[in-house]
Protein backbone atom coordinates (compact mmCIF):
# COMPACT_ATOMS: atom_id res chain seq x y z
CA MET A 1 33.73 13.39 16.83
CA GLN A 2 30.11 12.92 16.50
CA ASN A 3 29.28 9.85 13.94
CA ILE A 4 25.96 10.22 12.16
CA ASP A 5 24.66 7.17 10.31
CA PHE A 6 22.42 7.64 7.26
CA ASP A 7 20.77 5.05 5.52
CA LEU A 8 20.37 5.70 1.87
CA THR A 9 17.05 5.20 0.13
CA ALA A 10 17.89 5.24 -3.40
CA GLU A 11 21.08 4.99 -5.33
CA PHE A 12 22.59 8.17 -4.57
CA VAL A 13 21.87 11.42 -2.52
CA GLU A 14 23.86 14.76 -3.62
CA LEU A 15 26.32 15.76 -1.26
CA ASN A 16 24.56 19.23 -0.45
CA GLN A 17 21.48 17.12 -0.10
CA LEU A 18 22.83 14.61 2.18
CA MET A 19 23.91 17.49 4.59
CA LYS A 20 20.76 19.23 4.97
CA LEU A 21 19.04 16.03 5.51
CA VAL A 22 20.87 14.86 8.30
CA GLY A 23 20.50 18.26 9.93
CA LEU A 24 24.02 19.94 9.65
CA VAL A 25 22.61 23.04 7.10
CA ASP A 26 18.99 24.08 6.79
CA SER A 27 18.99 24.35 3.16
CA GLY A 28 20.36 22.86 -0.05
CA GLY A 29 22.10 26.39 -0.99
CA ALA A 30 23.45 26.37 2.42
CA GLY A 31 25.10 22.88 2.10
CA LYS A 32 26.35 24.09 -1.31
CA ASN A 33 28.06 27.23 0.08
CA MET A 34 29.71 24.60 3.26
CA VAL A 35 31.03 22.66 0.27
CA ALA A 36 32.58 25.33 -1.89
CA SER A 37 34.07 26.85 1.30
CA GLY A 38 36.46 23.57 1.29
CA ALA A 39 34.90 22.28 4.80
CA VAL A 40 33.90 18.85 3.16
CA SER A 41 35.85 15.77 2.83
CA VAL A 42 34.71 12.67 1.27
CA ASP A 43 36.58 9.55 2.11
CA GLY A 44 39.57 11.35 3.47
CA LYS A 45 39.55 13.84 0.40
CA GLN A 46 38.59 17.37 0.31
CA GLU A 47 35.30 17.36 -1.85
CA LEU A 48 34.59 20.77 -4.19
CA ARG A 49 31.67 19.55 -5.98
CA LYS A 50 28.73 20.33 -4.55
CA THR A 51 26.35 17.99 -5.75
CA ALA A 52 28.80 15.09 -5.70
CA LYS A 53 26.75 11.80 -5.44
CA ILE A 54 27.43 9.96 -2.52
CA ARG A 55 26.54 6.39 -2.36
CA SER A 56 26.40 3.61 0.02
CA GLY A 57 29.80 2.75 2.05
CA GLN A 58 31.02 6.31 1.73
CA THR A 59 32.11 8.54 4.52
CA VAL A 60 31.48 12.23 4.36
CA THR A 61 33.51 14.20 7.08
CA VAL A 62 32.32 18.21 8.18
CA GLY A 63 34.64 19.45 10.97
CA ASP A 64 34.15 17.17 13.63
CA VAL A 65 31.11 15.50 12.38
CA ARG A 66 31.24 12.21 10.25
CA ILE A 67 28.44 10.90 8.42
CA ARG A 68 28.40 7.20 7.41
CA VAL A 69 26.39 6.40 4.54
CA ARG A 70 24.86 3.03 4.45
């Protein structure tokens, strides 16, 4: 599994934007489509809200990629 550490610079980042910022997708729209497909989980639970607020301490998993938000 590939691990990515993401350093948060604000209170939160929207889920679709996080995937764009770490390079998993080319655009926020592509991130929204990936979330809608059910391929994304946050802290081990499937997340279908495209703009879910991801905060420090949470872990986002997409396929074999784990993003740890710090």
